[in-house]
Amino acid sequence: MALTKKSYNKMFKNYPDVVSAKDVAEMVGIGLKKAYRLLRTGEIRAFRCGNTFKAAKIEVIEYIYVRQCAQQKGDDPDKK
């Protein structure tokens, strides 16, 4: 499944191009602690802005695509 400009514009269209950890948690469907862990470890590329993490929306979408491809191959990234 390839990420196209059309799919990017459709996915999470109500979110800004740069999102907070809370937004990441909502977008991925995980808790806030796990969202912070993904951002802190670089699984979702992010940057710090003061005391908060910010991530480009495209990074969250790419994380979802990578995760989905891994699950389709039978390689569950949560089990590592």
PDB file of N, CA and C in Angstrom:
ATOM      1  N   MET A   1       0.849  -1.166   0.000  1.00  0.00           N
ATOM      2  CA  MET A   1       0.000   0.000   0.000  1.00  0.00           C
ATOM      3  C   MET A   1       0.898   1.235   0.000  1.00  0.00           C
ATOM      4  N   ALA A   2       0.809   2.039  -1.008  1.00  0.00           N
ATOM      5  CA  ALA A   2       1.672   3.207  -1.128  1.00  0.00           C
ATOM      6  C   ALA A   2       0.945   4.464  -0.660  1.00  0.00           C
ATOM      7  N   LEU A   3       1.693   5.333  -0.044  1.00  0.00           N
ATOM      8  CA  LEU A   3       1.147   6.601   0.410  1.00  0.00           C
ATOM      9  C   LEU A   3       1.181   7.583  -0.751  1.00  0.00           C
ATOM     10  N   THR A   4       0.016   8.045  -1.139  1.00  0.00           N
ATOM     11  CA  THR A   4      -0.071   9.013  -2.225  1.00  0.00           C
ATOM     12  C   THR A   4      -0.542  10.349  -1.658  1.00  0.00           C
ATOM     13  N   LYS A   5      -0.392  11.385  -2.452  1.00  0.00           N
ATOM     14  CA  LYS A   5      -0.838  12.713  -2.015  1.00  0.00           C
ATOM     15  C   LYS A   5      -2.349  12.705  -1.738  1.00  0.00           C
ATOM     16  N   LYS A   6      -3.078  11.952  -2.542  1.00  0.00           N
ATOM     17  CA  LYS A   6      -4.528  11.874  -2.368  1.00  0.00           C
ATOM     18  C   LYS A   6      -4.877  11.217  -1.028  1.00  0.00           C
ATOM     19  N   SER A   7      -4.188  10.105  -0.699  1.00  0.00           N
ATOM     20  CA  SER A   7      -4.479   9.438   0.568  1.00  0.00           C
ATOM     21  C   SER A   7      -4.019  10.288   1.741  1.00  0.00           C
ATOM     22  N   TYR A   8      -2.901  11.008   1.579  1.00  0.00           N
ATOM     23  CA  TYR A   8      -2.431  11.902   2.641  1.00  0.00           C
ATOM     24  C   TYR A   8      -3.473  12.971   2.934  1.00  0.00           C
ATOM     25  N   ASN A   9      -4.057  13.540   1.873  1.00  0.00           N
ATOM     26  CA  ASN A   9      -5.047  14.596   2.051  1.00  0.00           C
ATOM     27  C   ASN A   9      -6.343  14.078   2.673  1.00  0.00           C
ATOM     28  N   LYS A  10      -6.635  12.800   2.508  1.00  0.00           N
ATOM     29  CA  LYS A  10      -7.852  12.229   3.083  1.00  0.00           C
ATOM     30  C   LYS A  10      -7.664  11.793   4.531  1.00  0.00           C
ATOM     31  N   MET A  11      -6.491  11.244   4.849  1.00  0.00           N
ATOM     32  CA  MET A  11      -6.257  10.715   6.194  1.00  0.00           C
ATOM     33  C   MET A  11      -6.060  11.857   7.179  1.00  0.00           C
ATOM     34  N   PHE A  12      -6.802  11.843   8.238  1.00  0.00           N
ATOM     35  CA  PHE A  12      -6.644  12.811   9.319  1.00  0.00           C
ATOM     36  C   PHE A  12      -6.719  14.248   8.827  1.00  0.00           C
ATOM     37  N   LYS A  13      -7.650  14.509   7.923  1.00  0.00           N
ATOM     38  CA  LYS A  13      -7.739  15.852   7.347  1.00  0.00           C
ATOM     39  C   LYS A  13      -8.114  16.912   8.387  1.00  0.00           C
ATOM     40  N   ASN A  14      -8.670  16.488   9.525  1.00  0.00           N
ATOM     41  CA  ASN A  14      -9.043  17.447  10.561  1.00  0.00           C
ATOM     42  C   ASN A  14      -7.895  17.774  11.508  1.00  0.00           C
ATOM     43  N   TYR A  15      -6.742  17.166  11.277  1.00  0.00           N
ATOM     44  CA  TYR A  15      -5.571  17.433  12.116  1.00  0.00           C
ATOM     45  C   TYR A  15      -4.624  18.379  11.375  1.00  0.00           C
ATOM     46  N   PRO A  16      -3.889  19.207  12.117  1.00  0.00           N
ATOM     47  CA  PRO A  16      -2.900  20.084  11.458  1.00  0.00           C
ATOM     48  C   PRO A  16      -1.722  19.274  10.932  1.00  0.00           C
ATOM     49  N   ASP A  17      -0.860  19.898  10.153  1.00  0.00           N
ATOM     50  CA  ASP A  17       0.297  19.207   9.585  1.00  0.00           C
ATOM     51  C   ASP A  17       1.327  18.831  10.637  1.00  0.00           C
ATOM     52  N   VAL A  18       1.349  19.541  11.759  1.00  0.00           N
ATOM     53  CA  VAL A  18       2.223  19.217  12.881  1.00  0.00           C
ATOM     54  C   VAL A  18       1.325  18.937  14.080  1.00  0.00           C
ATOM     55  N   VAL A  19       1.483  17.751  14.670  1.00  0.00           N
ATOM     56  CA  VAL A  19       0.568  17.316  15.725  1.00  0.00           C
ATOM     57  C   VAL A  19       1.293  17.115  17.057  1.00  0.00           C
ATOM     58  N   SER A  20       0.520  17.135  18.122  1.00  0.00           N
ATOM     59  CA  SER A  20       1.041  16.932  19.475  1.00  0.00           C
ATOM     60  C   SER A  20       1.001  15.446  19.840  1.00  0.00           C
ATOM     61  N   ALA A  21       1.561  15.117  20.989  1.00  0.00           N
ATOM     62  CA  ALA A  21       1.528  13.728  21.469  1.00  0.00           C
ATOM     63  C   ALA A  21       0.085  13.279  21.679  1.00  0.00           C
ATOM     64  N   LYS A  22      -0.752  14.168  22.167  1.00  0.00           N
ATOM     65  CA  LYS A  22      -2.168  13.828  22.368  1.00  0.00           C
ATOM     66  C   LYS A  22      -2.829  13.502  21.027  1.00  0.00           C
ATOM     67  N   ASP A  23      -2.525  14.298  20.010  1.00  0.00           N
ATOM     68  CA  ASP A  23      -3.061  14.023  18.673  1.00  0.00           C
ATOM     69  C   ASP A  23      -2.573  12.675  18.152  1.00  0.00           C
ATOM     70  N   VAL A  24      -1.291  12.388  18.361  1.00  0.00           N
ATOM     71  CA  VAL A  24      -0.719  11.109  17.931  1.00  0.00           C
ATOM     72  C   VAL A  24      -1.485   9.960  18.577  1.00  0.00           C
ATOM     73  N   ALA A  25      -1.730  10.064  19.876  1.00  0.00           N
ATOM     74  CA  ALA A  25      -2.461   9.016  20.594  1.00  0.00           C
ATOM     75  C   ALA A  25      -3.837   8.796  19.975  1.00  0.00           C
ATOM     76  N   GLU A  26      -4.535   9.888  19.676  1.00  0.00           N
ATOM     77  CA  GLU A  26      -5.874   9.781  19.069  1.00  0.00           C
ATOM     78  C   GLU A  26      -5.796   9.172  17.671  1.00  0.00           C
ATOM     79  N   MET A  27      -4.831   9.612  16.881  1.00  0.00           N
ATOM     80  CA  MET A  27      -4.713   9.160  15.493  1.00  0.00           C
ATOM     81  C   MET A  27      -4.391   7.678  15.403  1.00  0.00           C
ATOM     82  N   VAL A  28      -3.516   7.202  16.286  1.00  0.00           N
ATOM     83  CA  VAL A  28      -3.075   5.812  16.234  1.00  0.00           C
ATOM     84  C   VAL A  28      -3.998   4.911  17.055  1.00  0.00           C
ATOM     85  N   GLY A  29      -4.755   5.502  17.971  1.00  0.00           N
ATOM     86  CA  GLY A  29      -5.662   4.705  18.802  1.00  0.00           C
ATOM     87  C   GLY A  29      -4.942   4.044  19.963  1.00  0.00           C
ATOM     88  N   ILE A  30      -4.032   4.785  20.586  1.00  0.00           N
ATOM     89  CA  ILE A  30      -3.249   4.265  21.707  1.00  0.00           C
ATOM     90  C   ILE A  30      -3.339   5.247  22.870  1.00  0.00           C
ATOM     91  N   GLY A  31      -2.798   4.851  23.998  1.00  0.00           N
ATOM     92  CA  GLY A  31      -2.769   5.726  25.156  1.00  0.00           C
ATOM     93  C   GLY A  31      -1.689   6.786  25.016  1.00  0.00           C
ATOM     94  N   LEU A  32      -1.809   7.818  25.837  1.00  0.00           N
ATOM     95  CA  LEU A  32      -0.869   8.930  25.782  1.00  0.00           C
ATOM     96  C   LEU A  32       0.544   8.499  26.172  1.00  0.00           C
ATOM     97  N   LYS A  33       0.667   7.602  27.157  1.00  0.00           N
ATOM     98  CA  LYS A  33       1.993   7.123  27.558  1.00  0.00           C
ATOM     99  C   LYS A  33       2.698   6.417  26.405  1.00  0.00           C
ATOM    100  N   LYS A  34       1.968   5.577  25.690  1.00  0.00           N
ATOM    101  CA  LYS A  34       2.568   4.865  24.557  1.00  0.00           C
ATOM    102  C   LYS A  34       2.917   5.844  23.439  1.00  0.00           C
ATOM    103  N   ALA A  35       2.084   6.857  23.233  1.00  0.00           N
ATOM    104  CA  ALA A  35       2.385   7.860  22.213  1.00  0.00           C
ATOM    105  C   ALA A  35       3.691   8.571  22.549  1.00  0.00           C
ATOM    106  N   TYR A  36       3.864   8.954  23.819  1.00  0.00           N
ATOM    107  CA  TYR A  36       5.115   9.589  24.228  1.00  0.00           C
ATOM    108  C   TYR A  36       6.299   8.652  24.017  1.00  0.00           C
ATOM    109  N   ARG A  37       6.123   7.376  24.303  1.00  0.00           N
ATOM    110  CA  ARG A  37       7.210   6.414  24.122  1.00  0.00           C
ATOM    111  C   ARG A  37       7.597   6.309  22.641  1.00  0.00           C
ATOM    112  N   LEU A  38       6.601   6.251  21.760  1.00  0.00           N
ATOM    113  CA  LEU A  38       6.882   6.173  20.328  1.00  0.00           C
ATOM    114  C   LEU A  38       7.620   7.417  19.835  1.00  0.00           C
ATOM    115  N   LEU A  39       7.241   8.572  20.359  1.00  0.00           N
ATOM    116  CA  LEU A  39       7.881   9.821  19.965  1.00  0.00           C
ATOM    117  C   LEU A  39       9.288   9.923  20.552  1.00  0.00           C
ATOM    118  N   ARG A  40       9.422   9.539  21.805  1.00  0.00           N
ATOM    119  CA  ARG A  40      10.713   9.639  22.494  1.00  0.00           C
ATOM    120  C   ARG A  40      11.748   8.690  21.884  1.00  0.00           C
ATOM    121  N   THR A  41      11.324   7.483  21.525  1.00  0.00           N
ATOM    122  CA  THR A  41      12.259   6.483  20.988  1.00  0.00           C
ATOM    123  C   THR A  41      12.525   6.656  19.497  1.00  0.00           C
ATOM    124  N   GLY A  42      11.761   7.501  18.848  1.00  0.00           N
ATOM    125  CA  GLY A  42      11.967   7.725  17.421  1.00  0.00           C
ATOM    126  C   GLY A  42      11.211   6.787  16.516  1.00  0.00           C
ATOM    127  N   GLU A  43      10.375   5.921  17.085  1.00  0.00           N
ATOM    128  CA  GLU A  43       9.551   5.061  16.221  1.00  0.00           C
ATOM    129  C   GLU A  43       8.650   5.927  15.348  1.00  0.00           C
ATOM    130  N   ILE A  44       8.189   7.023  15.910  1.00  0.00           N
ATOM    131  CA  ILE A  44       7.539   8.075  15.126  1.00  0.00           C
ATOM    132  C   ILE A  44       8.479   9.273  15.237  1.00  0.00           C
ATOM    133  N   ARG A  45       9.044   9.680  14.112  1.00  0.00           N
ATOM    134  CA  ARG A  45      10.002  10.791  14.145  1.00  0.00           C
ATOM    135  C   ARG A  45       9.323  12.055  14.640  1.00  0.00           C
ATOM    136  N   ALA A  46       9.982  12.729  15.583  1.00  0.00           N
ATOM    137  CA  ALA A  46       9.401  13.913  16.199  1.00  0.00           C
ATOM    138  C   ALA A  46      10.504  14.861  16.636  1.00  0.00           C
ATOM    139  N   PHE A  47      10.109  16.022  17.084  1.00  0.00           N
ATOM    140  CA  PHE A  47      11.054  16.985  17.638  1.00  0.00           C
ATOM    141  C   PHE A  47      10.445  17.573  18.902  1.00  0.00           C
ATOM    142  N   ARG A  48      11.317  18.090  19.722  1.00  0.00           N
ATOM    143  CA  ARG A  48      10.855  18.699  20.973  1.00  0.00           C
ATOM    144  C   ARG A  48      10.650  20.183  20.751  1.00  0.00           C
ATOM    145  N   CYS A  49       9.585  20.672  21.326  1.00  0.00           N
ATOM    146  CA  CYS A  49       9.268  22.096  21.287  1.00  0.00           C
ATOM    147  C   CYS A  49       9.011  22.489  22.738  1.00  0.00           C
ATOM    148  N   GLY A  50      10.045  22.958  23.418  1.00  0.00           N
ATOM    149  CA  GLY A  50       9.931  23.213  24.850  1.00  0.00           C
ATOM    150  C   GLY A  50       9.824  21.886  25.580  1.00  0.00           C
ATOM    151  N   ASN A  51       8.769  21.729  26.343  1.00  0.00           N
ATOM    152  CA  ASN A  51       8.557  20.485  27.094  1.00  0.00           C
ATOM    153  C   ASN A  51       7.664  19.492  26.373  1.00  0.00           C
ATOM    154  N   THR A  52       7.291  19.780  25.145  1.00  0.00           N
ATOM    155  CA  THR A  52       6.361  18.909  24.432  1.00  0.00           C
ATOM    156  C   THR A  52       7.002  18.339  23.175  1.00  0.00           C
ATOM    157  N   PHE A  53       6.443  17.233  22.718  1.00  0.00           N
ATOM    158  CA  PHE A  53       6.858  16.641  21.453  1.00  0.00           C
ATOM    159  C   PHE A  53       5.896  17.091  20.366  1.00  0.00           C
ATOM    160  N   LYS A  54       6.427  17.287  19.179  1.00  0.00           N
ATOM    161  CA  LYS A  54       5.628  17.575  17.995  1.00  0.00           C
ATOM    162  C   LYS A  54       6.095  16.631  16.896  1.00  0.00           C
ATOM    163  N   ALA A  55       5.168  16.216  16.078  1.00  0.00           N
ATOM    164  CA  ALA A  55       5.496  15.328  14.960  1.00  0.00           C
ATOM    165  C   ALA A  55       4.747  15.795  13.718  1.00  0.00           C
ATOM    166  N   ALA A  56       5.365  15.620  12.583  1.00  0.00           N
ATOM    167  CA  ALA A  56       4.676  15.907  11.329  1.00  0.00           C
ATOM    168  C   ALA A  56       3.601  14.842  11.122  1.00  0.00           C
ATOM    169  N   LYS A  57       2.466  15.265  10.669  1.00  0.00           N
ATOM    170  CA  LYS A  57       1.356  14.327  10.440  1.00  0.00           C
ATOM    171  C   LYS A  57       1.783  13.197   9.512  1.00  0.00           C
ATOM    172  N   ILE A  58       2.614  13.502   8.539  1.00  0.00           N
ATOM    173  CA  ILE A  58       3.074  12.475   7.597  1.00  0.00           C
ATOM    174  C   ILE A  58       3.842  11.375   8.321  1.00  0.00           C
ATOM    175  N   GLU A  59       4.565  11.716   9.382  1.00  0.00           N
ATOM    176  CA  GLU A  59       5.310  10.710  10.145  1.00  0.00           C
ATOM    177  C   GLU A  59       4.350   9.736  10.831  1.00  0.00           C
ATOM    178  N   VAL A  60       3.245  10.240  11.332  1.00  0.00           N
ATOM    179  CA  VAL A  60       2.242   9.381  11.975  1.00  0.00           C
ATOM    180  C   VAL A  60       1.605   8.467  10.935  1.00  0.00           C
ATOM    181  N   ILE A  61       1.287   9.025   9.791  1.00  0.00           N
ATOM    182  CA  ILE A  61       0.680   8.231   8.721  1.00  0.00           C
ATOM    183  C   ILE A  61       1.659   7.147   8.255  1.00  0.00           C
ATOM    184  N   GLU A  62       2.930   7.496   8.106  1.00  0.00           N
ATOM    185  CA  GLU A  62       3.921   6.499   7.694  1.00  0.00           C
ATOM    186  C   GLU A  62       4.081   5.413   8.747  1.00  0.00           C
ATOM    187  N   TYR A  63       4.034   5.776  10.018  1.00  0.00           N
ATOM    188  CA  TYR A  63       4.099   4.780  11.095  1.00  0.00           C
ATOM    189  C   TYR A  63       2.932   3.796  10.960  1.00  0.00           C
ATOM    190  N   ILE A  64       1.758   4.309  10.684  1.00  0.00           N
ATOM    191  CA  ILE A  64       0.577   3.447  10.532  1.00  0.00           C
ATOM    192  C   ILE A  64       0.756   2.517   9.329  1.00  0.00           C
ATOM    193  N   TYR A  65       1.262   3.033   8.216  1.00  0.00           N
ATOM    194  CA  TYR A  65       1.481   2.209   7.030  1.00  0.00           C
ATOM    195  C   TYR A  65       2.503   1.120   7.304  1.00  0.00           C
ATOM    196  N   VAL A  66       3.624   1.465   7.941  1.00  0.00           N
ATOM    197  CA  VAL A  66       4.665   0.487   8.250  1.00  0.00           C
ATOM    198  C   VAL A  66       4.113  -0.590   9.166  1.00  0.00           C
ATOM    199  N   ARG A  67       3.366  -0.181  10.165  1.00  0.00           N
ATOM    200  CA  ARG A  67       2.772  -1.113  11.121  1.00  0.00           C
ATOM    201  C   ARG A  67       1.790  -2.047  10.424  1.00  0.00           C
ATOM    202  N   GLN A  68       0.987  -1.484   9.540  1.00  0.00           N
ATOM    203  CA  GLN A  68      -0.006  -2.286   8.826  1.00  0.00           C
ATOM    204  C   GLN A  68       0.687  -3.307   7.922  1.00  0.00           C
ATOM    205  N   CYS A  69       1.747  -2.898   7.241  1.00  0.00           N
ATOM    206  CA  CYS A  69       2.488  -3.824   6.373  1.00  0.00           C
ATOM    207  C   CYS A  69       3.129  -4.935   7.189  1.00  0.00           C
ATOM    208  N   ALA A  70       3.665  -4.595   8.363  1.00  0.00           N
ATOM    209  CA  ALA A  70       4.293  -5.603   9.224  1.00  0.00           C
ATOM    210  C   ALA A  70       3.259  -6.608   9.706  1.00  0.00           C
ATOM    211  N   GLN A  71       2.077  -6.134  10.049  1.00  0.00           N
ATOM    212  CA  GLN A  71       1.026  -7.038  10.520  1.00  0.00           C
ATOM    213  C   GLN A  71       0.537  -7.939   9.399  1.00  0.00           C
ATOM    214  N   GLN A  72       0.479  -7.412   8.178  1.00  0.00           N
ATOM    215  CA  GLN A  72       0.049  -8.231   7.045  1.00  0.00           C
ATOM    216  C   GLN A  72       1.053  -9.340   6.750  1.00  0.00           C
ATOM    217  N   LYS A  73       2.327  -9.086   7.050  1.00  0.00           N
ATOM    218  CA  LYS A  73       3.368 -10.089   6.839  1.00  0.00           C
ATOM    219  C   LYS A  73       3.441 -11.054   8.029  1.00  0.00           C
ATOM    220  N   GLY A  74       2.637 -10.805   9.062  1.00  0.00           N
ATOM    221  CA  GLY A  74       2.656 -11.663  10.228  1.00  0.00           C
ATOM    222  C   GLY A  74       3.724 -11.290  11.230  1.00  0.00           C
ATOM    223  N   ASP A  75       4.308 -10.111  11.086  1.00  0.00           N
ATOM    224  CA  ASP A  75       5.374  -9.631  11.958  1.00  0.00           C
ATOM    225  C   ASP A  75       4.784  -8.535  12.841  1.00  0.00           C
ATOM    226  N   ASP A  76       4.334  -8.881  14.032  1.00  0.00           N
ATOM    227  CA  ASP A  76       3.686  -7.927  14.923  1.00  0.00           C
ATOM    228  C   ASP A  76       4.727  -7.054  15.631  1.00  0.00           C
ATOM    229  N   PRO A  77       4.782  -5.742  15.337  1.00  0.00           N
ATOM    230  CA  PRO A  77       5.793  -4.883  15.950  1.00  0.00           C
ATOM    231  C   PRO A  77       5.618  -4.700  17.454  1.00  0.00           C
ATOM    232  N   ASP A  78       4.451  -4.963  17.994  1.00  0.00           N
ATOM    233  CA  ASP A  78       4.233  -4.819  19.440  1.00  0.00           C
ATOM    234  C   ASP A  78       4.832  -5.974  20.220  1.00  0.00           C
ATOM    235  N   LYS A  79       5.159  -7.054  19.566  1.00  0.00           N
ATOM    236  CA  LYS A  79       5.682  -8.248  20.253  1.00  0.00           C
ATOM    237  C   LYS A  79       7.200  -8.198  20.413  1.00  0.00           C
ATOM    238  N   LYS A  80       7.835  -7.161  19.895  1.00  0.00           N
ATOM    239  CA  LYS A  80       9.304  -7.067  19.953  1.00  0.00           C
ATOM    240  C   LYS A  80       9.741  -6.377  21.208  1.00  0.00           C
TER     241      LYS A  80
END
